[in-house]
Amino acid sequence: MADILEVIMIVSFGVSWPLNVMKSYKARTTKGKSLAFLCLIFFGYIAGIISKFLNEAYMASIASKWYVLFFYILNLIMVGADLCIYFRNYKLDKKVAE
């Protein structure tokens, strides 16, 4: 049951990130975004992924529970994309300010 709840949490976050990435891309500005927040979330997903690899019980059953790690990695990629867009938008903000 704990695995199912964890997947529900990760999938819920996972649905939100692509929407957030698209919004950031279209906005073309960093206004309303927090670099610190994005970095904390990014490193949180890294910690979650590492914890899966260090968890012997999880690794013993990875053949049947691979999907949990998959969603952690997918979310990490989405947050990474949002970070990249943040820096693109930061440069655009600087251009507009000049």
N, C-alpha and C. Protein backbone atom coordinates (compact mmCIF):
# COMPACT_ATOMS: atom_id res chain seq x y z
N MET A 1 0.82 -1.20 0.00
CA MET A 1 0.00 0.00 0.00
C MET A 1 0.86 1.26 0.00
N ALA A 2 1.97 1.23 0.74
CA ALA A 2 2.86 2.40 0.80
C ALA A 2 3.41 2.73 -0.58
N ASP A 3 3.75 1.69 -1.37
CA ASP A 3 4.26 1.92 -2.72
C ASP A 3 3.22 2.58 -3.61
N ILE A 4 1.98 2.16 -3.48
CA ILE A 4 0.91 2.73 -4.29
C ILE A 4 0.70 4.20 -3.94
N LEU A 5 0.72 4.52 -2.65
CA LEU A 5 0.57 5.91 -2.23
C LEU A 5 1.75 6.77 -2.70
N GLU A 6 2.94 6.20 -2.67
CA GLU A 6 4.11 6.93 -3.16
C GLU A 6 3.98 7.20 -4.65
N VAL A 7 3.52 6.22 -5.40
CA VAL A 7 3.33 6.42 -6.84
C VAL A 7 2.26 7.48 -7.10
N ILE A 8 1.19 7.47 -6.33
CA ILE A 8 0.14 8.49 -6.49
C ILE A 8 0.73 9.88 -6.26
N MET A 9 1.55 10.02 -5.23
CA MET A 9 2.18 11.30 -4.95
C MET A 9 3.08 11.73 -6.11
N ILE A 10 3.93 10.82 -6.56
CA ILE A 10 4.88 11.13 -7.63
C ILE A 10 4.15 11.45 -8.94
N VAL A 11 3.12 10.69 -9.25
CA VAL A 11 2.35 10.94 -10.49
C VAL A 11 1.62 12.28 -10.39
N SER A 12 1.10 12.61 -9.22
CA SER A 12 0.43 13.90 -9.05
C SER A 12 1.40 15.04 -9.31
N PHE A 13 2.59 14.94 -8.75
CA PHE A 13 3.61 15.96 -9.04
C PHE A 13 3.98 15.93 -10.51
N GLY A 14 4.09 14.72 -11.05
CA GLY A 14 4.50 14.54 -12.44
C GLY A 14 3.55 15.16 -13.43
N VAL A 15 2.27 15.17 -13.12
CA VAL A 15 1.28 15.81 -14.00
C VAL A 15 1.44 17.32 -13.95
N SER A 16 1.81 17.84 -12.81
CA SER A 16 1.95 19.28 -12.64
C SER A 16 3.17 19.85 -13.36
N TRP A 17 4.26 19.12 -13.38
CA TRP A 17 5.50 19.68 -13.94
C TRP A 17 5.44 20.00 -15.42
N PRO A 18 4.91 19.14 -16.29
CA PRO A 18 4.84 19.53 -17.70
C PRO A 18 4.01 20.79 -17.91
N LEU A 19 2.94 20.94 -17.15
CA LEU A 19 2.13 22.15 -17.25
C LEU A 19 2.92 23.37 -16.82
N ASN A 20 3.70 23.22 -15.76
CA ASN A 20 4.54 24.31 -15.26
C ASN A 20 5.63 24.67 -16.27
N VAL A 21 6.21 23.66 -16.89
CA VAL A 21 7.26 23.89 -17.89
C VAL A 21 6.68 24.65 -19.08
N MET A 22 5.52 24.25 -19.55
CA MET A 22 4.90 24.95 -20.69
C MET A 22 4.57 26.39 -20.32
N LYS A 23 4.08 26.60 -19.11
CA LYS A 23 3.75 27.96 -18.66
C LYS A 23 5.02 28.82 -18.60
N SER A 24 6.10 28.27 -18.08
CA SER A 24 7.37 29.00 -18.01
C SER A 24 7.89 29.34 -19.40
N TYR A 25 7.78 28.39 -20.31
CA TYR A 25 8.27 28.60 -21.67
C TYR A 25 7.49 29.72 -22.36
N LYS A 26 6.17 29.71 -22.21
CA LYS A 26 5.33 30.72 -22.84
C LYS A 26 5.46 32.09 -22.18
N ALA A 27 5.69 32.12 -20.88
CA ALA A 27 5.76 33.38 -20.14
C ALA A 27 6.97 34.22 -20.55
N ARG A 28 8.07 33.56 -20.86
CA ARG A 28 9.31 34.24 -21.28
C ARG A 28 9.82 35.24 -20.23
N THR A 29 9.56 34.94 -18.96
CA THR A 29 10.04 35.77 -17.87
C THR A 29 10.22 34.91 -16.63
N THR A 30 11.07 35.39 -15.72
CA THR A 30 11.27 34.68 -14.45
C THR A 30 10.35 35.22 -13.36
N LYS A 31 9.58 36.25 -13.69
CA LYS A 31 8.68 36.82 -12.68
C LYS A 31 7.73 35.75 -12.17
N GLY A 32 7.64 35.65 -10.85
CA GLY A 32 6.79 34.66 -10.23
C GLY A 32 7.44 33.30 -10.04
N LYS A 33 8.70 33.17 -10.44
CA LYS A 33 9.43 31.90 -10.29
C LYS A 33 10.50 32.07 -9.21
N SER A 34 10.80 30.99 -8.53
CA SER A 34 11.83 31.02 -7.51
C SER A 34 12.92 30.00 -7.88
N LEU A 35 14.11 30.50 -8.14
CA LEU A 35 15.23 29.62 -8.45
C LEU A 35 15.54 28.71 -7.26
N ALA A 36 15.48 29.26 -6.05
CA ALA A 36 15.75 28.45 -4.86
C ALA A 36 14.75 27.30 -4.74
N PHE A 37 13.48 27.57 -5.01
CA PHE A 37 12.45 26.54 -4.94
C PHE A 37 12.73 25.44 -5.96
N LEU A 38 13.02 25.84 -7.21
CA LEU A 38 13.31 24.85 -8.25
C LEU A 38 14.52 24.00 -7.88
N CYS A 39 15.56 24.63 -7.34
CA CYS A 39 16.77 23.89 -6.96
C CYS A 39 16.48 22.92 -5.82
N LEU A 40 15.69 23.35 -4.84
CA LEU A 40 15.33 22.46 -3.73
C LEU A 40 14.54 21.25 -4.22
N ILE A 41 13.60 21.47 -5.11
CA ILE A 41 12.81 20.36 -5.66
C ILE A 41 13.71 19.44 -6.47
N PHE A 42 14.61 20.00 -7.28
CA PHE A 42 15.52 19.22 -8.10
C PHE A 42 16.39 18.32 -7.22
N PHE A 43 16.98 18.90 -6.19
CA PHE A 43 17.83 18.11 -5.30
C PHE A 43 17.02 17.13 -4.45
N GLY A 44 15.77 17.48 -4.17
CA GLY A 44 14.89 16.54 -3.47
C GLY A 44 14.63 15.29 -4.28
N TYR A 45 14.41 15.47 -5.59
CA TYR A 45 14.23 14.30 -6.46
C TYR A 45 15.51 13.47 -6.56
N ILE A 46 16.65 14.15 -6.61
CA ILE A 46 17.92 13.42 -6.63
C ILE A 46 18.05 12.59 -5.35
N ALA A 47 17.73 13.19 -4.21
CA ALA A 47 17.79 12.45 -2.94
C ALA A 47 16.83 11.27 -2.94
N GLY A 48 15.63 11.46 -3.50
CA GLY A 48 14.67 10.37 -3.58
C GLY A 48 15.17 9.22 -4.45
N ILE A 49 15.81 9.56 -5.56
CA ILE A 49 16.36 8.54 -6.45
C ILE A 49 17.49 7.78 -5.77
N ILE A 50 18.39 8.53 -5.12
CA ILE A 50 19.50 7.89 -4.41
C ILE A 50 18.96 6.98 -3.29
N SER A 51 17.91 7.45 -2.60
CA SER A 51 17.35 6.63 -1.51
C SER A 51 16.82 5.30 -2.05
N LYS A 52 16.26 5.32 -3.25
CA LYS A 52 15.77 4.07 -3.85
C LYS A 52 16.94 3.11 -4.11
N PHE A 53 18.04 3.65 -4.63
CA PHE A 53 19.19 2.79 -4.91
C PHE A 53 19.84 2.25 -3.64
N LEU A 54 19.74 3.00 -2.54
CA LEU A 54 20.33 2.56 -1.27
C LEU A 54 19.41 1.66 -0.46
N ASN A 55 18.15 1.58 -0.84
CA ASN A 55 17.16 0.77 -0.13
C ASN A 55 17.25 -0.68 -0.64
N GLU A 56 17.81 -1.55 0.19
CA GLU A 56 18.02 -2.94 -0.22
C GLU A 56 16.71 -3.66 -0.54
N ALA A 57 15.67 -3.39 0.22
CA ALA A 57 14.38 -4.04 -0.03
C ALA A 57 13.82 -3.62 -1.39
N TYR A 58 13.96 -2.33 -1.70
CA TYR A 58 13.48 -1.84 -3.00
C TYR A 58 14.29 -2.46 -4.13
N MET A 59 15.61 -2.45 -3.98
CA MET A 59 16.47 -2.98 -5.04
C MET A 59 16.22 -4.48 -5.25
N ALA A 60 15.87 -5.19 -4.20
CA ALA A 60 15.59 -6.62 -4.32
C ALA A 60 14.32 -6.87 -5.14
N SER A 61 13.42 -5.88 -5.13
CA SER A 61 12.16 -6.05 -5.85
C SER A 61 12.02 -5.07 -7.01
N ILE A 62 13.14 -4.55 -7.51
CA ILE A 62 13.09 -3.52 -8.56
C ILE A 62 12.43 -4.03 -9.84
N ALA A 63 12.52 -5.31 -10.11
CA ALA A 63 11.89 -5.85 -11.32
C ALA A 63 10.38 -5.64 -11.31
N SER A 64 9.78 -5.65 -10.13
CA SER A 64 8.33 -5.45 -10.06
C SER A 64 7.94 -4.04 -9.61
N LYS A 65 8.93 -3.25 -9.17
CA LYS A 65 8.62 -1.89 -8.69
C LYS A 65 9.43 -0.82 -9.43
N TRP A 66 9.86 -1.11 -10.64
CA TRP A 66 10.67 -0.17 -11.42
C TRP A 66 9.94 1.14 -11.68
N TYR A 67 8.62 1.09 -11.75
CA TYR A 67 7.81 2.26 -12.10
C TYR A 67 7.98 3.40 -11.10
N VAL A 68 8.24 3.08 -9.83
CA VAL A 68 8.42 4.13 -8.83
C VAL A 68 9.66 4.96 -9.18
N LEU A 69 10.76 4.28 -9.46
CA LEU A 69 11.99 4.97 -9.84
C LEU A 69 11.81 5.72 -11.17
N PHE A 70 11.06 5.13 -12.09
CA PHE A 70 10.80 5.78 -13.38
C PHE A 70 10.15 7.14 -13.18
N PHE A 71 9.15 7.23 -12.31
CA PHE A 71 8.46 8.50 -12.10
C PHE A 71 9.33 9.52 -11.36
N TYR A 72 10.19 9.05 -10.47
CA TYR A 72 11.15 9.97 -9.85
C TYR A 72 12.05 10.58 -10.92
N ILE A 73 12.56 9.76 -11.81
CA ILE A 73 13.46 10.23 -12.86
C ILE A 73 12.73 11.14 -13.84
N LEU A 74 11.51 10.78 -14.20
CA LEU A 74 10.72 11.62 -15.11
C LEU A 74 10.48 12.99 -14.50
N ASN A 75 10.13 13.04 -13.23
CA ASN A 75 9.92 14.32 -12.56
C ASN A 75 11.22 15.12 -12.47
N LEU A 76 12.33 14.44 -12.22
CA LEU A 76 13.62 15.11 -12.19
C LEU A 76 13.91 15.77 -13.54
N ILE A 77 13.62 15.08 -14.62
CA ILE A 77 13.82 15.63 -15.96
C ILE A 77 12.94 16.86 -16.18
N MET A 78 11.69 16.79 -15.73
CA MET A 78 10.79 17.93 -15.88
C MET A 78 11.27 19.15 -15.09
N VAL A 79 11.73 18.93 -13.88
CA VAL A 79 12.24 20.05 -13.07
C VAL A 79 13.53 20.58 -13.70
N GLY A 80 14.36 19.69 -14.23
CA GLY A 80 15.57 20.12 -14.93
C GLY A 80 15.24 20.97 -16.15
N ALA A 81 14.20 20.59 -16.89
CA ALA A 81 13.77 21.38 -18.04
C ALA A 81 13.28 22.76 -17.58
N ASP A 82 12.55 22.79 -16.47
CA ASP A 82 12.07 24.06 -15.94
C ASP A 82 13.24 24.94 -15.49
N LEU A 83 14.27 24.32 -14.93
CA LEU A 83 15.47 25.09 -14.56
C LEU A 83 16.14 25.68 -15.79
N CYS A 84 16.26 24.91 -16.85
CA CYS A 84 16.86 25.41 -18.09
C CYS A 84 16.05 26.58 -18.65
N ILE A 85 14.73 26.44 -18.63
CA ILE A 85 13.86 27.51 -19.11
C ILE A 85 13.98 28.74 -18.21
N TYR A 86 14.16 28.52 -16.91
CA TYR A 86 14.35 29.64 -15.99
C TYR A 86 15.55 30.48 -16.43
N PHE A 87 16.66 29.82 -16.74
CA PHE A 87 17.86 30.56 -17.14
C PHE A 87 17.68 31.23 -18.50
N ARG A 88 16.94 30.59 -19.39
CA ARG A 88 16.63 31.25 -20.67
C ARG A 88 15.81 32.50 -20.41
N ASN A 89 14.79 32.37 -19.58
CA ASN A 89 13.93 33.51 -19.27
C ASN A 89 14.68 34.61 -18.52
N TYR A 90 15.64 34.21 -17.70
CA TYR A 90 16.46 35.19 -16.99
C TYR A 90 17.23 36.06 -17.99
N LYS A 91 17.79 35.41 -19.00
CA LYS A 91 18.51 36.16 -20.05
C LYS A 91 17.55 37.07 -20.81
N LEU A 92 16.35 36.58 -21.08
CA LEU A 92 15.36 37.42 -21.77
C LEU A 92 14.96 38.61 -20.91
N ASP A 93 14.82 38.40 -19.61
CA ASP A 93 14.50 39.51 -18.70
C ASP A 93 15.60 40.56 -18.71
N LYS A 94 16.86 40.10 -18.72
CA LYS A 94 17.99 41.05 -18.75
C LYS A 94 17.99 41.84 -20.04
N LYS A 95 17.67 41.19 -21.17
CA LYS A 95 17.61 41.88 -22.46
C LYS A 95 16.54 42.97 -22.45
N VAL A 96 15.38 42.63 -21.92
CA VAL A 96 14.28 43.59 -21.87
C VAL A 96 14.64 44.77 -20.97
N ALA A 97 15.36 44.52 -19.89
CA ALA A 97 15.74 45.56 -18.94
C ALA A 97 16.76 46.54 -19.55
N GLU A 98 17.53 46.06 -20.51
CA GLU A 98 18.59 46.93 -21.09
C GLU A 98 18.05 47.95 -22.04
